[in-house]
C-alpha atoms as a PDB file:
ATOM      1  CA  MET A   1      -0.001   0.065   0.206  1.00  0.00           C
ATOM      2  CA  ALA A   2       1.500   3.491  -0.956  1.00  0.00           C
ATOM      3  CA  VAL A   3       2.244   6.047   1.696  1.00  0.00           C
ATOM      4  CA  ARG A   4      -0.460   8.492   1.585  1.00  0.00           C
ATOM      5  CA  ILE A   5       0.436  12.329   1.930  1.00  0.00           C
ATOM      6  CA  VAL A   6      -2.300  15.039   2.283  1.00  0.00           C
ATOM      7  CA  HIS A   7      -0.883  18.385   0.672  1.00  0.00           C
ATOM      8  CA  TYR A   8      -2.633  21.662   1.866  1.00  0.00           C
ATOM      9  CA  GLY A   9      -2.211  25.056  -0.213  1.00  0.00           C
ATOM     10  CA  ASP A  10      -0.819  26.262  -3.320  1.00  0.00           C
ATOM     11  CA  ASP A  11       1.885  23.786  -4.838  1.00  0.00           C
ATOM     12  CA  VAL A  12       3.930  26.740  -6.083  1.00  0.00           C
ATOM     13  CA  CYS A  13       7.024  24.990  -6.200  1.00  0.00           C
ATOM     14  CA  ASN A  14       5.942  21.745  -7.652  1.00  0.00           C
ATOM     15  CA  GLN A  15       5.946  19.598  -4.429  1.00  0.00           C
ATOM     16  CA  VAL A  16       3.006  17.469  -5.281  1.00  0.00           C
ATOM     17  CA  ALA A  17       4.596  16.419  -8.656  1.00  0.00           C
ATOM     18  CA  ALA A  18       7.985  15.622  -6.706  1.00  0.00           C
ATOM     19  CA  LEU A  19       6.270  13.397  -3.832  1.00  0.00           C
ATOM     20  CA  ARG A  20       4.377  11.558  -6.523  1.00  0.00           C
ATOM     21  CA  GLU A  21       7.638  10.979  -8.456  1.00  0.00           C
ATOM     22  CA  MET A  22       8.928   9.526  -5.052  1.00  0.00           C
ATOM     23  CA  GLY A  23       6.249   7.033  -5.041  1.00  0.00           C
ATOM     24  CA  TYR A  24       3.720   8.909  -2.517  1.00  0.00           C
ATOM     25  CA  SER A  25      -0.045   8.813  -2.953  1.00  0.00           C
ATOM     26  CA  VAL A  26      -0.898  12.511  -2.714  1.00  0.00           C
ATOM     27  CA  SER A  27      -4.394  13.873  -2.169  1.00  0.00           C
ATOM     28  CA  GLU A  28      -4.301  17.997  -2.514  1.00  0.00           C
ATOM     29  CA  CYS A  29      -6.730  20.329  -0.594  1.00  0.00           C
ATOM     30  CA  VAL A  30      -7.038  23.812  -1.149  1.00  0.00           C
ATOM     31  CA  SER A  31      -9.629  24.339   1.506  1.00  0.00           C
ATOM     32  CA  LEU A  32     -10.394  23.535   5.265  1.00  0.00           C
ATOM     33  CA  ALA A  33     -13.533  21.532   4.365  1.00  0.00           C
ATOM     34  CA  GLU A  34     -11.231  19.324   1.889  1.00  0.00           C
ATOM     35  CA  LEU A  35      -8.605  18.974   4.626  1.00  0.00           C
ATOM     36  CA  HIS A  36     -10.888  17.970   7.011  1.00  0.00           C
ATOM     37  CA  ALA A  37     -12.654  15.329   4.828  1.00  0.00           C
ATOM     38  CA  ALA A  38      -9.111  14.098   3.820  1.00  0.00           C
ATOM     39  CA  MET A  39      -8.223  13.955   7.596  1.00  0.00           C
ATOM     40  CA  VAL A  40     -11.384  12.030   9.037  1.00  0.00           C
ATOM     41  CA  GLY A  41     -12.040   9.862   5.784  1.00  0.00           C
ATOM     42  CA  VAL A  42     -11.814   6.078   4.987  1.00  0.00           C
ATOM     43  CA  MET A  43      -8.167   6.682   3.990  1.00  0.00           C
ATOM     44  CA  ARG A  44      -5.706   7.253   6.427  1.00  0.00           C
ATOM     45  CA  ALA A  45      -3.101   9.964   5.747  1.00  0.00           C
ATOM     46  CA  ASP A  46       0.587   9.130   6.878  1.00  0.00           C
ATOM     47  CA  ALA A  47       1.381  12.578   6.739  1.00  0.00           C
ATOM     48  CA  VAL A  48       0.207  16.170   6.006  1.00  0.00           C
ATOM     49  CA  ALA A  49       2.302  18.595   4.116  1.00  0.00           C
ATOM     50  CA  ILE A  50       1.367  22.521   3.953  1.00  0.00           C
ATOM     51  CA  ALA A  51       2.676  24.831   1.456  1.00  0.00           C
ATOM     52  CA  GLU A  52       3.107  28.331   3.094  1.00  0.00           C
ATOM     53  CA  SER A  53       1.575  30.965   1.093  1.00  0.00           C
ATOM     54  CA  ASN A  54       2.687  34.412   1.103  1.00  0.00           C
ATOM     55  CA  GLY A  55       4.565  33.713   4.378  1.00  0.00           C
ATOM     56  CA  THR A  56       1.588  32.539   6.151  1.00  0.00           C
ATOM     57  CA  VAL A  57      -0.183  29.294   6.935  1.00  0.00           C
ATOM     58  CA  PRO A  58      -3.829  29.569   8.634  1.00  0.00           C
ATOM     59  CA  ASP A  59      -3.838  28.641  12.251  1.00  0.00           C
ATOM     60  CA  GLN A  60      -6.855  26.768  11.597  1.00  0.00           C
ATOM     61  CA  VAL A  61      -4.817  24.097   9.387  1.00  0.00           C
ATOM     62  CA  VAL A  62      -2.292  23.408  12.046  1.00  0.00           C
ATOM     63  CA  SER A  63      -5.258  22.937  14.691  1.00  0.00           C
ATOM     64  CA  LEU A  64      -7.293  21.042  12.523  1.00  0.00           C
ATOM     65  CA  VAL A  65      -4.491  18.368  11.730  1.00  0.00           C
ATOM     66  CA  ARG A  66      -3.293  18.540  15.344  1.00  0.00           C
ATOM     67  CA  ALA A  67      -6.723  17.697  16.528  1.00  0.00           C
ATOM     68  CA  THR A  68      -7.637  15.056  14.164  1.00  0.00           C
ATOM     69  CA  SER A  69      -4.248  12.938  13.787  1.00  0.00           C
ATOM     70  CA  ALA A  70      -0.772  11.999  15.006  1.00  0.00           C
ATOM     71  CA  VAL A  71       0.644  12.172  11.733  1.00  0.00           C
ATOM     72  CA  PRO A  72       3.704  14.208  10.700  1.00  0.00           C
ATOM     73  CA  LEU A  73       3.068  17.931   9.684  1.00  0.00           C
ATOM     74  CA  ILE A  74       5.532  19.188   7.134  1.00  0.00           C
ATOM     75  CA  LEU A  75       5.688  22.750   5.993  1.00  0.00           C
ATOM     76  CA  PHE A  76       6.753  23.505   2.943  1.00  0.00           C
ATOM     77  CA  GLN A  77       8.007  27.363   3.357  1.00  0.00           C
ATOM     78  CA  SER A  78       7.305  30.241   1.000  1.00  0.00           C
ATOM     79  CA  GLU A  79      10.102  32.359  -0.397  1.00  0.00           C
ATOM     80  CA  ASN A  80       9.368  34.935   2.617  1.00  0.00           C
ATOM     81  CA  PRO A  81       8.883  32.455   5.315  1.00  0.00           C
ATOM     82  CA  GLN A  82       7.214  33.990   8.653  1.00  0.00           C
ATOM     83  CA  TYR A  83       5.436  30.736  10.316  1.00  0.00           C
ATOM     84  CA  SER A  84       6.959  29.239  13.249  1.00  0.00           C
ATOM     85  CA  ASP A  85       9.190  26.352  12.541  1.00  0.00           C
ATOM     86  CA  ALA A  86       8.282  24.732  16.115  1.00  0.00           C
ATOM     87  CA  GLU A  87       4.633  23.747  14.874  1.00  0.00           C
ATOM     88  CA  PHE A  88       5.967  21.478  12.423  1.00  0.00           C
ATOM     89  CA  ASP A  89       7.863  17.944  12.503  1.00  0.00           C
ATOM     90  CA  LEU A  90       9.657  18.970   9.353  1.00  0.00           C
ATOM     91  CA  VAL A  91      10.365  22.405   7.461  1.00  0.00           C
ATOM     92  CA  ILE A  92      11.830  22.418   4.123  1.00  0.00           C
ATOM     93  CA  PRO A  93      12.996  25.850   2.770  1.00  0.00           C
ATOM     94  CA  CYS A  94      11.469  27.264  -0.450  1.00  0.00           C
ATOM     95  CA  ALA A  95      15.046  27.042  -2.173  1.00  0.00           C
ATOM     96  CA  SER A  96      15.579  23.531  -1.470  1.00  0.00           C
ATOM     97  CA  THR A  97      15.207  20.951  -4.280  1.00  0.00           C
ATOM     98  CA  ALA A  98      13.351  17.517  -4.058  1.00  0.00           C
ATOM     99  CA  GLU A  99      16.761  15.741  -3.734  1.00  0.00           C
ATOM    100  CA  GLU A 100      17.900  17.948  -0.986  1.00  0.00           C
ATOM    101  CA  TRP A 101      14.679  17.071   1.494  1.00  0.00           C
ATOM    102  CA  ALA A 102      13.565  13.740   0.164  1.00  0.00           C
ATOM    103  CA  ASP A 103      15.830  11.363   2.603  1.00  0.00           C
ATOM    104  CA  ASN A 104      14.704  13.568   5.727  1.00  0.00           C
ATOM    105  CA  PHE A 105      10.998  13.468   4.202  1.00  0.00           C
ATOM    106  CA  ALA A 106      11.087   9.612   3.779  1.00  0.00           C
ATOM    107  CA  GLU A 107      12.878   8.913   7.050  1.00  0.00           C
ATOM    108  CA  LEU A 108      10.260  11.063   8.963  1.00  0.00           C
ATOM    109  CA  ILE A 109       7.358   9.043   7.439  1.00  0.00           C
ATOM    110  CA  ALA A 110       9.117   5.726   7.912  1.00  0.00           C
ATOM    111  CA  ARG A 111       9.415   6.511  11.923  1.00  0.00           C
ATOM    112  CA  SER A 112       5.780   7.756  12.045  1.00  0.00           C
ATOM    113  CA  ILE A 113       4.536   4.660  10.236  1.00  0.00           C
ATOM    114  CA  LYS A 114       6.611   2.444  12.361  1.00  0.00           C
ATOM    115  CA  ARG A 115       5.688   4.027  15.749  1.00  0.00           C
ATOM    116  CA  ASN A 116       1.871   4.198  14.742  1.00  0.00           C
ATOM    117  CA  HIS A 117       1.717   0.269  13.616  1.00  0.00           C
END
């Protein structure tokens, strides 16, 4: 079974395509309603990746994820990051390439799956 990633926000740096190339199943959400449905639906998420938009991430997104699941929360920063790194299990700078963050991403997911199964 493929590892399922829920991606929230605008995919301006093509993270979704990179994740799919790495073999992840990715569900894209652009609204809180879609994110909520993805988090409480039949298909369990293994991680949630949030794309910071214009330097912000709505607090409701972080709260929703933390309230509904213990999966890793990953932040893809914007060019002008302004959000606190402390809320996230992994923070990926905007200028980094998929090759630079792929191993850390995979290790975080593997540890989480092992811990939760």
